[in-house]
Amino acid sequence: MTDVGSRLRTAILTMTSERAPRTICPSDAARAVDPDNWRELMEQTRDLARELARSGEVVITQKGEELDPDGQWRGPIRIRRAGT
């Protein structure tokens, strides 16, 4: 994993823990890592959210419904800490 990937992963896990049971937007984590170029990190952030959901650390939701991390979905998502 790259340095940026590690920082994104840490940001997702930290922010979801701090805000639990509320959710975060992937852009929250991307902005925390690189406020000026966060849009360029969005795909990587969403991919990391999928990985974290597969491992059971977070849950990905859309319109309040839990998403399958391996499913086909698009559009705005939210991330929350698993178990909250």
N, C-alpha and C. Protein backbone atom coordinates (compact mmCIF):
# COMPACT_ATOMS: atom_id res chain seq x y z
N MET A 1 0.85 -1.17 0.00
CA MET A 1 0.00 0.00 0.00
C MET A 1 0.89 1.24 0.00
N THR A 2 0.50 2.22 -0.77
CA THR A 2 1.27 3.46 -0.86
C THR A 2 1.11 4.29 0.42
N ASP A 3 1.95 5.30 0.56
CA ASP A 3 1.84 6.20 1.70
C ASP A 3 0.47 6.88 1.71
N VAL A 4 0.01 7.32 0.55
CA VAL A 4 -1.30 7.96 0.47
C VAL A 4 -2.39 6.96 0.84
N GLY A 5 -2.27 5.73 0.37
CA GLY A 5 -3.23 4.70 0.70
C GLY A 5 -3.28 4.44 2.20
N SER A 6 -2.14 4.38 2.83
CA SER A 6 -2.09 4.18 4.29
C SER A 6 -2.71 5.35 5.02
N ARG A 7 -2.45 6.55 4.55
CA ARG A 7 -3.04 7.74 5.19
C ARG A 7 -4.55 7.77 4.99
N LEU A 8 -5.02 7.38 3.82
CA LEU A 8 -6.46 7.33 3.58
C LEU A 8 -7.12 6.29 4.48
N ARG A 9 -6.51 5.12 4.56
CA ARG A 9 -7.05 4.05 5.42
C ARG A 9 -7.15 4.53 6.86
N THR A 10 -6.08 5.15 7.35
CA THR A 10 -6.07 5.67 8.71
C THR A 10 -7.16 6.73 8.89
N ALA A 11 -7.29 7.61 7.90
CA ALA A 11 -8.31 8.67 7.99
C ALA A 11 -9.71 8.08 8.06
N ILE A 12 -9.99 7.09 7.23
CA ILE A 12 -11.32 6.46 7.23
C ILE A 12 -11.60 5.84 8.59
N LEU A 13 -10.66 5.06 9.10
CA LEU A 13 -10.86 4.37 10.37
C LEU A 13 -10.95 5.35 11.55
N THR A 14 -10.12 6.36 11.54
CA THR A 14 -10.14 7.35 12.62
C THR A 14 -11.44 8.14 12.59
N MET A 15 -11.80 8.63 11.43
CA MET A 15 -13.00 9.46 11.32
C MET A 15 -14.27 8.67 11.63
N THR A 16 -14.35 7.43 11.16
CA THR A 16 -15.55 6.65 11.46
C THR A 16 -15.63 6.31 12.94
N SER A 17 -14.50 6.12 13.60
CA SER A 17 -14.51 5.87 15.04
C SER A 17 -14.94 7.12 15.80
N GLU A 18 -14.39 8.25 15.42
CA GLU A 18 -14.69 9.50 16.11
C GLU A 18 -16.14 9.92 15.93
N ARG A 19 -16.72 9.63 14.78
CA ARG A 19 -18.07 10.09 14.49
C ARG A 19 -19.15 9.04 14.75
N ALA A 20 -18.75 7.85 15.13
CA ALA A 20 -19.72 6.77 15.35
C ALA A 20 -20.80 7.21 16.32
N PRO A 21 -22.02 6.89 16.06
CA PRO A 21 -22.54 6.02 15.02
C PRO A 21 -22.84 6.74 13.70
N ARG A 22 -22.50 8.02 13.62
CA ARG A 22 -22.73 8.74 12.37
C ARG A 22 -21.77 8.26 11.28
N THR A 23 -22.09 8.63 10.06
CA THR A 23 -21.29 8.20 8.91
C THR A 23 -20.40 9.33 8.43
N ILE A 24 -19.46 8.96 7.56
CA ILE A 24 -18.64 9.95 6.87
C ILE A 24 -18.83 9.76 5.37
N CYS A 25 -18.52 10.79 4.65
CA CYS A 25 -18.47 10.73 3.19
C CYS A 25 -17.03 10.37 2.82
N PRO A 26 -16.81 9.62 1.76
CA PRO A 26 -15.44 9.34 1.35
C PRO A 26 -14.63 10.63 1.14
N SER A 27 -15.30 11.69 0.72
CA SER A 27 -14.58 12.95 0.50
C SER A 27 -14.03 13.52 1.79
N ASP A 28 -14.66 13.21 2.94
CA ASP A 28 -14.12 13.67 4.22
C ASP A 28 -12.71 13.14 4.44
N ALA A 29 -12.53 11.86 4.19
CA ALA A 29 -11.22 11.23 4.35
C ALA A 29 -10.23 11.77 3.32
N ALA A 30 -10.68 11.89 2.08
CA ALA A 30 -9.80 12.39 1.02
C ALA A 30 -9.35 13.82 1.32
N ARG A 31 -10.26 14.65 1.79
CA ARG A 31 -9.91 16.04 2.14
C ARG A 31 -8.94 16.10 3.32
N ALA A 32 -9.08 15.18 4.26
CA ALA A 32 -8.18 15.15 5.41
C ALA A 32 -6.75 14.81 4.98
N VAL A 33 -6.62 13.98 3.95
CA VAL A 33 -5.31 13.56 3.48
C VAL A 33 -4.69 14.60 2.54
N ASP A 34 -5.50 15.19 1.66
CA ASP A 34 -4.97 16.17 0.71
C ASP A 34 -6.06 17.20 0.39
N PRO A 35 -6.14 18.26 1.20
CA PRO A 35 -7.20 19.25 1.03
C PRO A 35 -7.24 19.91 -0.35
N ASP A 36 -6.11 20.01 -1.00
CA ASP A 36 -6.07 20.69 -2.30
C ASP A 36 -6.40 19.78 -3.48
N ASN A 37 -6.10 18.52 -3.36
CA ASN A 37 -6.27 17.58 -4.48
C ASN A 37 -7.14 16.39 -4.11
N TRP A 38 -8.09 16.59 -3.21
CA TRP A 38 -8.90 15.50 -2.69
C TRP A 38 -9.69 14.78 -3.77
N ARG A 39 -10.13 15.50 -4.79
CA ARG A 39 -10.94 14.86 -5.84
C ARG A 39 -10.16 13.73 -6.54
N GLU A 40 -8.86 13.92 -6.67
CA GLU A 40 -8.02 12.90 -7.31
C GLU A 40 -7.92 11.63 -6.47
N LEU A 41 -8.27 11.72 -5.18
CA LEU A 41 -8.18 10.57 -4.28
C LEU A 41 -9.49 9.83 -4.12
N MET A 42 -10.55 10.32 -4.73
CA MET A 42 -11.87 9.74 -4.48
C MET A 42 -11.99 8.27 -4.90
N GLU A 43 -11.49 7.91 -6.06
CA GLU A 43 -11.59 6.51 -6.49
C GLU A 43 -10.83 5.60 -5.53
N GLN A 44 -9.63 6.01 -5.16
CA GLN A 44 -8.83 5.22 -4.22
C GLN A 44 -9.51 5.14 -2.86
N THR A 45 -10.15 6.21 -2.42
CA THR A 45 -10.84 6.22 -1.14
C THR A 45 -12.02 5.25 -1.17
N ARG A 46 -12.78 5.27 -2.24
CA ARG A 46 -13.92 4.35 -2.36
C ARG A 46 -13.43 2.89 -2.42
N ASP A 47 -12.33 2.65 -3.12
CA ASP A 47 -11.76 1.30 -3.18
C ASP A 47 -11.32 0.83 -1.79
N LEU A 48 -10.70 1.73 -1.04
CA LEU A 48 -10.28 1.37 0.32
C LEU A 48 -11.49 1.11 1.21
N ALA A 49 -12.55 1.87 1.02
CA ALA A 49 -13.78 1.63 1.78
C ALA A 49 -14.31 0.22 1.48
N ARG A 50 -14.25 -0.19 0.23
CA ARG A 50 -14.67 -1.56 -0.13
C ARG A 50 -13.82 -2.59 0.60
N GLU A 51 -12.49 -2.39 0.60
CA GLU A 51 -11.59 -3.32 1.28
C GLU A 51 -11.89 -3.39 2.77
N LEU A 52 -12.10 -2.23 3.38
CA LEU A 52 -12.39 -2.19 4.81
C LEU A 52 -13.74 -2.82 5.12
N ALA A 53 -14.69 -2.69 4.21
CA ALA A 53 -16.00 -3.33 4.40
C ALA A 53 -15.87 -4.85 4.27
N ARG A 54 -15.05 -5.31 3.34
CA ARG A 54 -14.83 -6.75 3.20
C ARG A 54 -14.22 -7.35 4.46
N SER A 55 -13.35 -6.58 5.10
CA SER A 55 -12.69 -7.09 6.31
C SER A 55 -13.54 -6.90 7.56
N GLY A 56 -14.70 -6.26 7.41
CA GLY A 56 -15.61 -6.10 8.52
C GLY A 56 -15.35 -4.90 9.41
N GLU A 57 -14.45 -4.01 9.00
CA GLU A 57 -14.13 -2.85 9.83
C GLU A 57 -15.11 -1.69 9.65
N VAL A 58 -15.68 -1.57 8.45
CA VAL A 58 -16.65 -0.51 8.19
C VAL A 58 -17.83 -1.10 7.42
N VAL A 59 -18.88 -0.30 7.32
CA VAL A 59 -20.05 -0.64 6.53
C VAL A 59 -20.26 0.50 5.54
N ILE A 60 -20.54 0.16 4.31
CA ILE A 60 -20.83 1.16 3.29
C ILE A 60 -22.34 1.22 3.10
N THR A 61 -22.87 2.43 3.10
CA THR A 61 -24.31 2.59 2.94
C THR A 61 -24.62 3.58 1.82
N GLN A 62 -25.83 3.45 1.32
CA GLN A 62 -26.35 4.38 0.33
C GLN A 62 -27.84 4.54 0.63
N LYS A 63 -28.25 5.77 0.86
CA LYS A 63 -29.64 6.06 1.23
C LYS A 63 -30.08 5.22 2.42
N GLY A 64 -29.15 5.01 3.36
CA GLY A 64 -29.46 4.28 4.58
C GLY A 64 -29.41 2.77 4.47
N GLU A 65 -29.23 2.24 3.28
CA GLU A 65 -29.18 0.80 3.06
C GLU A 65 -27.73 0.32 2.96
N GLU A 66 -27.43 -0.80 3.62
CA GLU A 66 -26.09 -1.36 3.57
C GLU A 66 -25.81 -1.93 2.18
N LEU A 67 -24.62 -1.65 1.67
CA LEU A 67 -24.22 -2.13 0.34
C LEU A 67 -23.25 -3.30 0.46
N ASP A 68 -23.32 -4.19 -0.50
CA ASP A 68 -22.35 -5.27 -0.62
C ASP A 68 -21.06 -4.67 -1.18
N PRO A 69 -19.92 -4.80 -0.47
CA PRO A 69 -18.69 -4.19 -0.97
C PRO A 69 -18.24 -4.76 -2.32
N ASP A 70 -18.73 -5.94 -2.67
CA ASP A 70 -18.38 -6.53 -3.96
C ASP A 70 -19.46 -6.31 -5.01
N GLY A 71 -20.52 -5.63 -4.63
CA GLY A 71 -21.63 -5.39 -5.55
C GLY A 71 -21.34 -4.28 -6.54
N GLN A 72 -22.21 -4.20 -7.51
CA GLN A 72 -22.15 -3.13 -8.51
C GLN A 72 -23.00 -1.98 -8.00
N TRP A 73 -22.39 -0.87 -7.63
CA TRP A 73 -23.13 0.30 -7.21
C TRP A 73 -22.36 1.54 -7.61
N ARG A 74 -23.10 2.62 -7.65
CA ARG A 74 -22.48 3.89 -8.00
C ARG A 74 -23.29 4.99 -7.33
N GLY A 75 -22.77 6.18 -7.38
CA GLY A 75 -23.44 7.30 -6.74
C GLY A 75 -22.90 7.55 -5.35
N PRO A 76 -23.52 8.48 -4.64
CA PRO A 76 -23.03 8.87 -3.32
C PRO A 76 -23.16 7.73 -2.31
N ILE A 77 -22.11 7.55 -1.53
CA ILE A 77 -22.11 6.55 -0.47
C ILE A 77 -21.70 7.20 0.84
N ARG A 78 -21.94 6.48 1.91
CA ARG A 78 -21.50 6.89 3.23
C ARG A 78 -20.77 5.70 3.85
N ILE A 79 -19.89 5.99 4.80
CA ILE A 79 -19.10 4.95 5.46
C ILE A 79 -19.32 5.10 6.96
N ARG A 80 -19.60 3.98 7.64
CA ARG A 80 -19.68 4.02 9.09
C ARG A 80 -18.89 2.86 9.68
N ARG A 81 -18.52 3.04 10.92
CA ARG A 81 -17.79 2.00 11.62
C ARG A 81 -18.70 0.80 11.81
N ALA A 82 -18.21 -0.38 11.59
CA ALA A 82 -19.00 -1.60 11.78
C ALA A 82 -19.33 -1.75 13.27
N GLY A 83 -20.52 -2.29 13.53
CA GLY A 83 -20.94 -2.53 14.89
C GLY A 83 -21.55 -1.33 15.60
N THR A 84 -21.76 -0.25 14.86
CA THR A 84 -22.38 0.93 15.49
C THR A 84 -23.74 1.20 14.90
